[in-house]
């Protein structure tokens, strides 16, 4: 394929992607509007779920809160409550430091091989970004 054909094909596909994303955004906004209308009809609890039935559909709304812990503040306040309470309120999450893992792979392949036994690796979806250069 010539460079001109590649550029033409690239522009055509990028334009199709741009249109698809606009259609997707429109569909998303339409869905969100309908969901809001359903929330108005069914109602929404502050936390938990609520259901309502029609002749053909049952609709359930669910809501809640995301709660994040300020670790520094927790260190202060946890000392003011019994340890028997604080021990069950906060969990520690073990996470992989990917930057260190990649360094280990390069600098110490033998130890990386050992560590890799405990890691499941899956490929991410390829991201495709488009940018309109100019309107023609």
N, C-alpha and C. Protein backbone atom coordinates (compact mmCIF):
# COMPACT_ATOMS: atom_id res chain seq x y z
N UNK A 1 0.84 -1.18 0.00
CA UNK A 1 0.00 0.00 0.00
C UNK A 1 0.89 1.24 0.00
N UNK A 2 0.52 2.22 -0.79
CA UNK A 2 1.33 3.43 -0.86
C UNK A 2 1.08 4.30 0.37
N UNK A 3 1.99 5.26 0.56
CA UNK A 3 1.86 6.17 1.70
C UNK A 3 0.58 7.00 1.59
N UNK A 4 0.22 7.38 0.37
CA UNK A 4 -1.00 8.16 0.14
C UNK A 4 -2.24 7.33 0.49
N UNK A 5 -2.23 6.07 0.09
CA UNK A 5 -3.35 5.18 0.41
C UNK A 5 -3.45 4.95 1.91
N UNK A 6 -2.30 4.81 2.57
CA UNK A 6 -2.30 4.64 4.03
C UNK A 6 -2.89 5.86 4.73
N UNK A 7 -2.47 7.05 4.27
CA UNK A 7 -2.98 8.29 4.88
C UNK A 7 -4.48 8.40 4.66
N UNK A 8 -4.93 8.07 3.46
CA UNK A 8 -6.35 8.13 3.15
C UNK A 8 -7.13 7.13 4.00
N UNK A 9 -6.61 5.94 4.13
CA UNK A 9 -7.28 4.91 4.94
C UNK A 9 -7.30 5.31 6.42
N UNK A 10 -6.16 5.85 6.90
CA UNK A 10 -6.08 6.32 8.28
C UNK A 10 -7.13 7.39 8.54
N UNK A 11 -7.22 8.39 7.63
CA UNK A 11 -8.20 9.47 7.80
C UNK A 11 -9.63 8.92 7.80
N UNK A 12 -9.91 8.00 6.90
CA UNK A 12 -11.26 7.42 6.82
C UNK A 12 -11.61 6.69 8.11
N UNK A 13 -10.69 5.86 8.60
CA UNK A 13 -10.95 5.10 9.83
C UNK A 13 -11.03 6.01 11.04
N UNK A 14 -10.18 7.04 11.12
CA UNK A 14 -10.23 7.97 12.24
C UNK A 14 -11.54 8.74 12.23
N UNK A 15 -12.02 9.12 11.05
CA UNK A 15 -13.30 9.82 10.93
C UNK A 15 -14.44 8.90 11.38
N UNK A 16 -14.40 7.65 10.97
CA UNK A 16 -15.43 6.69 11.39
C UNK A 16 -15.40 6.51 12.91
N UNK A 17 -14.20 6.49 13.49
CA UNK A 17 -14.08 6.38 14.94
C UNK A 17 -14.66 7.61 15.62
N UNK A 18 -14.37 8.79 15.06
CA UNK A 18 -14.91 10.03 15.61
C UNK A 18 -16.43 10.00 15.60
N UNK A 19 -17.03 9.60 14.50
CA UNK A 19 -18.49 9.51 14.42
C UNK A 19 -19.04 8.48 15.40
N UNK A 20 -18.38 7.35 15.49
CA UNK A 20 -18.84 6.30 16.41
C UNK A 20 -18.80 6.79 17.85
N UNK A 21 -17.75 7.52 18.21
CA UNK A 21 -17.66 8.06 19.58
C UNK A 21 -18.74 9.09 19.84
N UNK A 22 -19.06 9.92 18.85
CA UNK A 22 -20.14 10.89 19.01
C UNK A 22 -21.48 10.17 19.19
N UNK A 23 -21.72 9.13 18.39
CA UNK A 23 -22.94 8.34 18.53
C UNK A 23 -22.99 7.65 19.89
N UNK A 24 -21.86 7.15 20.32
CA UNK A 24 -21.75 6.49 21.62
C UNK A 24 -22.06 7.48 22.74
N UNK A 25 -21.53 8.70 22.63
CA UNK A 25 -21.79 9.73 23.64
C UNK A 25 -23.27 10.09 23.67
N UNK A 26 -23.86 10.22 22.48
CA UNK A 26 -25.30 10.52 22.41
C UNK A 26 -26.10 9.39 23.06
N UNK A 27 -25.76 8.16 22.73
CA UNK A 27 -26.47 7.01 23.31
C UNK A 27 -26.27 6.97 24.83
N UNK A 28 -25.07 7.27 25.29
CA UNK A 28 -24.80 7.28 26.73
C UNK A 28 -25.63 8.34 27.43
N UNK A 29 -25.67 9.55 26.86
CA UNK A 29 -26.46 10.62 27.45
C UNK A 29 -27.94 10.26 27.47
N UNK A 30 -28.42 9.62 26.41
CA UNK A 30 -29.81 9.19 26.35
C UNK A 30 -30.09 8.14 27.43
N UNK A 31 -29.17 7.20 27.59
CA UNK A 31 -29.31 6.17 28.63
C UNK A 31 -29.34 6.80 30.02
N UNK A 32 -28.44 7.74 30.26
CA UNK A 32 -28.40 8.40 31.57
C UNK A 32 -29.69 9.17 31.85
N UNK A 33 -30.26 9.80 30.82
CA UNK A 33 -31.52 10.52 30.98
C UNK A 33 -32.65 9.54 31.35
N UNK A 34 -32.70 8.42 30.67
CA UNK A 34 -33.73 7.42 30.98
C UNK A 34 -33.52 6.86 32.38
N UNK A 35 -32.28 6.59 32.76
CA UNK A 35 -32.01 6.10 34.12
C UNK A 35 -32.48 7.10 35.17
N UNK A 36 -32.27 8.39 34.93
CA UNK A 36 -32.72 9.41 35.87
C UNK A 36 -34.24 9.41 35.97
N UNK A 37 -34.91 9.28 34.85
CA UNK A 37 -36.37 9.23 34.85
C UNK A 37 -36.87 8.01 35.63
N UNK A 38 -36.20 6.87 35.45
CA UNK A 38 -36.57 5.67 36.20
C UNK A 38 -36.34 5.88 37.70
N UNK A 39 -35.26 6.55 38.06
CA UNK A 39 -35.00 6.85 39.47
C UNK A 39 -36.13 7.71 40.04
N UNK A 40 -36.63 8.65 39.24
CA UNK A 40 -37.73 9.50 39.68
C UNK A 40 -39.00 8.67 39.91
N UNK A 41 -39.22 7.67 39.08
CA UNK A 41 -40.42 6.84 39.18
C UNK A 41 -40.29 5.83 40.33
N UNK A 42 -39.15 5.14 40.41
CA UNK A 42 -38.95 4.08 41.40
C UNK A 42 -38.60 4.65 42.76
N UNK A 43 -37.83 5.72 42.76
CA UNK A 43 -37.31 6.26 44.00
C UNK A 43 -35.92 5.71 44.27
N UNK A 44 -35.20 6.40 45.13
CA UNK A 44 -33.83 5.99 45.45
C UNK A 44 -33.63 6.11 46.95
N UNK A 45 -33.20 5.02 47.56
CA UNK A 45 -32.85 5.06 48.98
C UNK A 45 -31.49 5.72 49.13
N UNK A 46 -31.23 6.28 50.29
CA UNK A 46 -29.93 6.90 50.52
C UNK A 46 -28.82 5.86 50.39
N UNK A 47 -29.10 4.67 50.88
CA UNK A 47 -28.14 3.57 50.77
C UNK A 47 -28.92 2.28 50.72
N UNK A 48 -28.65 1.47 49.71
CA UNK A 48 -29.36 0.22 49.55
C UNK A 48 -30.11 0.20 48.23
N UNK A 49 -31.07 -0.73 48.09
CA UNK A 49 -31.80 -0.85 46.83
C UNK A 49 -33.30 -0.74 47.06
N UNK A 50 -33.98 -0.38 46.01
CA UNK A 50 -35.42 -0.20 46.03
C UNK A 50 -35.95 -0.67 44.68
N UNK A 51 -37.07 -1.38 44.67
CA UNK A 51 -37.62 -1.93 43.43
C UNK A 51 -39.05 -1.49 43.22
N UNK A 52 -39.44 -1.51 41.96
CA UNK A 52 -40.81 -1.24 41.57
C UNK A 52 -41.11 -2.09 40.34
N UNK A 53 -42.37 -2.59 40.26
CA UNK A 53 -42.75 -3.44 39.13
C UNK A 53 -43.81 -2.77 38.29
N UNK A 54 -43.66 -2.96 36.99
CA UNK A 54 -44.69 -2.55 36.05
C UNK A 54 -45.36 -3.81 35.53
N UNK A 55 -46.06 -3.72 34.42
CA UNK A 55 -46.67 -4.90 33.82
C UNK A 55 -45.62 -5.80 33.17
N UNK A 56 -44.55 -5.21 32.68
CA UNK A 56 -43.57 -5.97 31.92
C UNK A 56 -42.15 -5.92 32.48
N UNK A 57 -41.89 -5.00 33.38
CA UNK A 57 -40.53 -4.83 33.89
C UNK A 57 -40.53 -4.64 35.40
N UNK A 58 -39.46 -5.09 35.99
CA UNK A 58 -39.14 -4.76 37.38
C UNK A 58 -37.87 -3.92 37.31
N UNK A 59 -37.88 -2.78 37.96
CA UNK A 59 -36.71 -1.91 37.95
C UNK A 59 -36.24 -1.74 39.39
N UNK A 60 -34.95 -1.91 39.60
CA UNK A 60 -34.35 -1.75 40.92
C UNK A 60 -33.32 -0.64 40.84
N UNK A 61 -33.39 0.27 41.78
CA UNK A 61 -32.37 1.30 41.91
C UNK A 61 -31.49 0.95 43.11
N UNK A 62 -30.23 1.16 42.98
CA UNK A 62 -29.28 0.89 44.07
C UNK A 62 -28.38 2.09 44.24
N UNK A 63 -28.13 2.45 45.47
CA UNK A 63 -27.23 3.57 45.72
C UNK A 63 -26.42 3.31 46.98
N UNK A 64 -25.43 4.08 47.15
CA UNK A 64 -24.58 3.92 48.33
C UNK A 64 -23.51 4.98 48.33
N UNK A 65 -22.48 4.73 49.07
CA UNK A 65 -21.39 5.68 49.23
C UNK A 65 -20.06 4.99 49.03
N UNK A 66 -19.11 5.69 48.50
CA UNK A 66 -17.73 5.23 48.47
C UNK A 66 -17.06 5.85 49.69
N UNK A 67 -16.47 5.01 50.49
CA UNK A 67 -15.81 5.51 51.71
C UNK A 67 -14.32 5.26 51.60
N UNK A 68 -13.56 6.32 51.70
CA UNK A 68 -12.10 6.23 51.64
C UNK A 68 -11.52 6.61 53.00
N UNK A 69 -10.49 5.92 53.38
CA UNK A 69 -9.86 6.14 54.67
C UNK A 69 -8.66 7.06 54.54
N UNK A 70 -8.61 8.08 55.35
CA UNK A 70 -7.43 8.94 55.47
C UNK A 70 -6.50 8.22 56.43
N UNK A 71 -5.46 7.59 55.91
CA UNK A 71 -4.60 6.75 56.73
C UNK A 71 -3.92 7.52 57.85
N UNK A 72 -3.50 8.73 57.56
CA UNK A 72 -2.82 9.53 58.58
C UNK A 72 -3.79 9.85 59.72
N UNK A 73 -4.99 10.26 59.37
CA UNK A 73 -5.99 10.57 60.39
C UNK A 73 -6.37 9.30 61.15
N UNK A 74 -6.45 8.17 60.44
CA UNK A 74 -6.78 6.90 61.09
C UNK A 74 -5.77 6.55 62.18
N UNK A 75 -4.50 6.79 61.89
CA UNK A 75 -3.46 6.53 62.88
C UNK A 75 -3.74 7.30 64.17
N UNK A 76 -4.23 8.52 64.04
CA UNK A 76 -4.55 9.34 65.21
C UNK A 76 -5.79 8.81 65.94
N UNK A 77 -6.88 8.63 65.21
CA UNK A 77 -8.15 8.28 65.87
C UNK A 77 -8.20 6.84 66.34
N UNK A 78 -7.47 5.94 65.71
CA UNK A 78 -7.52 4.53 66.11
C UNK A 78 -7.00 4.32 67.53
N UNK A 79 -6.16 5.23 67.99
CA UNK A 79 -5.62 5.12 69.34
C UNK A 79 -6.65 5.51 70.40
N UNK A 80 -7.73 6.17 69.96
CA UNK A 80 -8.75 6.63 70.90
C UNK A 80 -9.92 5.66 71.05
N UNK A 81 -9.89 4.54 70.32
CA UNK A 81 -10.94 3.52 70.46
C UNK A 81 -10.29 2.20 70.84
N UNK A 82 -11.05 1.30 71.44
CA UNK A 82 -10.46 0.01 71.83
C UNK A 82 -9.87 -0.74 70.63
N UNK A 83 -8.76 -1.39 70.85
CA UNK A 83 -8.08 -2.15 69.79
C UNK A 83 -8.99 -3.24 69.25
N UNK A 84 -9.87 -3.79 70.10
CA UNK A 84 -10.79 -4.83 69.64
C UNK A 84 -11.74 -4.28 68.56
N UNK A 85 -12.04 -2.99 68.56
CA UNK A 85 -12.86 -2.37 67.52
C UNK A 85 -12.02 -2.01 66.30
N UNK A 86 -10.91 -1.35 66.53
CA UNK A 86 -10.11 -0.86 65.41
C UNK A 86 -9.53 -1.99 64.56
N UNK A 87 -9.26 -3.14 65.17
CA UNK A 87 -8.65 -4.26 64.44
C UNK A 87 -9.55 -4.75 63.30
N UNK A 88 -10.87 -4.63 63.48
CA UNK A 88 -11.79 -5.15 62.46
C UNK A 88 -12.33 -4.07 61.52
N UNK A 89 -12.00 -2.84 61.76
CA UNK A 89 -12.54 -1.75 60.93
C UNK A 89 -11.71 -1.47 59.68
N UNK A 90 -10.43 -1.73 59.72
CA UNK A 90 -9.55 -1.38 58.61
C UNK A 90 -8.78 -2.61 58.16
N UNK A 91 -8.80 -2.81 56.84
CA UNK A 91 -8.03 -3.92 56.24
C UNK A 91 -6.84 -3.34 55.49
N UNK A 92 -5.81 -4.11 55.37
CA UNK A 92 -4.64 -3.71 54.61
C UNK A 92 -4.69 -4.41 53.27
N UNK A 93 -4.52 -3.65 52.20
CA UNK A 93 -4.55 -4.20 50.85
C UNK A 93 -3.12 -4.31 50.33
N UNK A 94 -2.74 -5.50 49.93
CA UNK A 94 -1.41 -5.73 49.37
C UNK A 94 -1.50 -5.51 47.86
N UNK A 95 -0.65 -4.63 47.35
CA UNK A 95 -0.64 -4.33 45.93
C UNK A 95 0.76 -4.53 45.35
N UNK A 96 0.78 -4.81 44.07
CA UNK A 96 2.04 -4.98 43.37
C UNK A 96 2.58 -3.62 42.93
N UNK A 97 3.85 -3.36 43.19
CA UNK A 97 4.51 -2.15 42.72
C UNK A 97 5.08 -2.48 41.34
N UNK A 98 4.33 -2.14 40.31
CA UNK A 98 4.68 -2.52 38.94
C UNK A 98 6.01 -1.92 38.50
N UNK A 99 6.28 -0.69 38.92
CA UNK A 99 7.54 -0.03 38.54
C UNK A 99 8.72 -0.84 39.09
N UNK A 100 8.65 -1.24 40.35
CA UNK A 100 9.72 -2.03 40.95
C UNK A 100 9.83 -3.41 40.29
N UNK A 101 8.67 -3.98 39.94
CA UNK A 101 8.68 -5.29 39.28
C UNK A 101 9.40 -5.21 37.94
N UNK A 102 9.13 -4.17 37.16
CA UNK A 102 9.78 -4.01 35.86
C UNK A 102 11.29 -3.81 36.03
N UNK A 103 11.68 -3.07 37.06
CA UNK A 103 13.11 -2.88 37.34
C UNK A 103 13.75 -4.20 37.71
N UNK A 104 13.07 -4.98 38.55
CA UNK A 104 13.59 -6.28 38.96
C UNK A 104 13.79 -7.18 37.75
N UNK A 105 12.84 -7.12 36.81
CA UNK A 105 12.93 -7.96 35.61
C UNK A 105 14.20 -7.67 34.82
N UNK A 106 14.59 -6.40 34.77
CA UNK A 106 15.78 -6.00 34.02
C UNK A 106 17.05 -6.24 34.83
N UNK A 107 17.02 -5.85 36.11
CA UNK A 107 18.23 -5.87 36.92
C UNK A 107 18.55 -7.21 37.56
N UNK A 108 17.53 -8.02 37.82
CA UNK A 108 17.74 -9.29 38.53
C UNK A 108 16.77 -10.35 38.00
N UNK A 109 16.99 -10.81 36.77
CA UNK A 109 16.06 -11.76 36.14
C UNK A 109 15.82 -13.04 36.95
N UNK A 110 16.81 -13.50 37.68
CA UNK A 110 16.65 -14.74 38.46
C UNK A 110 15.60 -14.56 39.55
N UNK A 111 15.70 -13.47 40.29
CA UNK A 111 14.71 -13.22 41.33
C UNK A 111 13.36 -12.83 40.74
N UNK A 112 13.38 -12.15 39.60
CA UNK A 112 12.12 -11.83 38.92
C UNK A 112 11.35 -13.10 38.58
N UNK A 113 12.06 -14.11 38.10
CA UNK A 113 11.42 -15.38 37.74
C UNK A 113 10.72 -16.00 38.94
N UNK A 114 11.33 -15.89 40.10
CA UNK A 114 10.71 -16.42 41.32
C UNK A 114 9.45 -15.61 41.66
N UNK A 115 9.58 -14.29 41.64
CA UNK A 115 8.44 -13.41 41.97
C UNK A 115 7.30 -13.61 40.98
N UNK A 116 7.65 -13.80 39.71
CA UNK A 116 6.64 -13.94 38.65
C UNK A 116 5.71 -15.14 38.88
N UNK A 117 6.15 -16.10 39.66
CA UNK A 117 5.30 -17.25 39.96
C UNK A 117 4.03 -16.83 40.70
N UNK A 118 4.08 -15.70 41.39
CA UNK A 118 2.95 -15.24 42.19
C UNK A 118 2.13 -14.17 41.46
N UNK A 119 2.43 -13.94 40.19
CA UNK A 119 1.78 -12.85 39.45
C UNK A 119 1.05 -13.40 38.24
N UNK A 120 -0.18 -12.95 38.05
CA UNK A 120 -0.93 -13.26 36.85
C UNK A 120 -0.88 -12.02 35.97
N UNK A 121 -0.46 -12.19 34.74
CA UNK A 121 -0.33 -11.07 33.81
C UNK A 121 -1.31 -11.24 32.66
N UNK A 122 -2.12 -10.18 32.44
CA UNK A 122 -3.08 -10.21 31.34
C UNK A 122 -2.88 -8.94 30.50
N UNK A 123 -3.00 -9.05 29.19
CA UNK A 123 -2.84 -7.86 28.35
C UNK A 123 -4.03 -6.92 28.52
N UNK A 124 -3.75 -5.62 28.47
CA UNK A 124 -4.81 -4.61 28.51
C UNK A 124 -5.38 -4.44 27.10
N UNK A 125 -6.57 -3.87 27.03
CA UNK A 125 -7.17 -3.52 25.75
C UNK A 125 -6.32 -2.41 25.14
N UNK A 126 -6.07 -2.50 23.87
CA UNK A 126 -5.30 -1.47 23.17
C UNK A 126 -6.14 -0.20 23.10
N UNK A 127 -5.56 0.91 23.48
CA UNK A 127 -6.26 2.19 23.41
C UNK A 127 -6.00 2.83 22.06
N UNK A 128 -7.04 3.38 21.47
CA UNK A 128 -6.90 4.09 20.20
C UNK A 128 -7.42 5.50 20.42
N UNK A 129 -6.58 6.47 20.16
CA UNK A 129 -6.92 7.88 20.36
C UNK A 129 -6.92 8.55 19.00
N UNK A 130 -7.87 9.43 18.80
CA UNK A 130 -7.87 10.19 17.57
C UNK A 130 -7.91 11.68 17.90
N UNK A 131 -7.41 12.46 16.97
CA UNK A 131 -7.40 13.91 17.14
C UNK A 131 -7.64 14.53 15.78
N UNK A 132 -8.64 15.38 15.70
CA UNK A 132 -8.93 16.04 14.43
C UNK A 132 -7.88 17.13 14.23
N UNK A 133 -7.18 17.08 13.11
CA UNK A 133 -6.13 18.04 12.85
C UNK A 133 -6.70 19.37 12.38
N UNK A 134 -7.68 19.30 11.50
CA UNK A 134 -8.34 20.51 11.03
C UNK A 134 -9.62 20.12 10.33
N UNK A 135 -10.58 21.00 10.34
CA UNK A 135 -11.83 20.73 9.61
C UNK A 135 -11.61 21.09 8.15
N UNK A 136 -11.98 20.15 7.28
CA UNK A 136 -11.83 20.41 5.83
C UNK A 136 -13.19 20.44 5.18
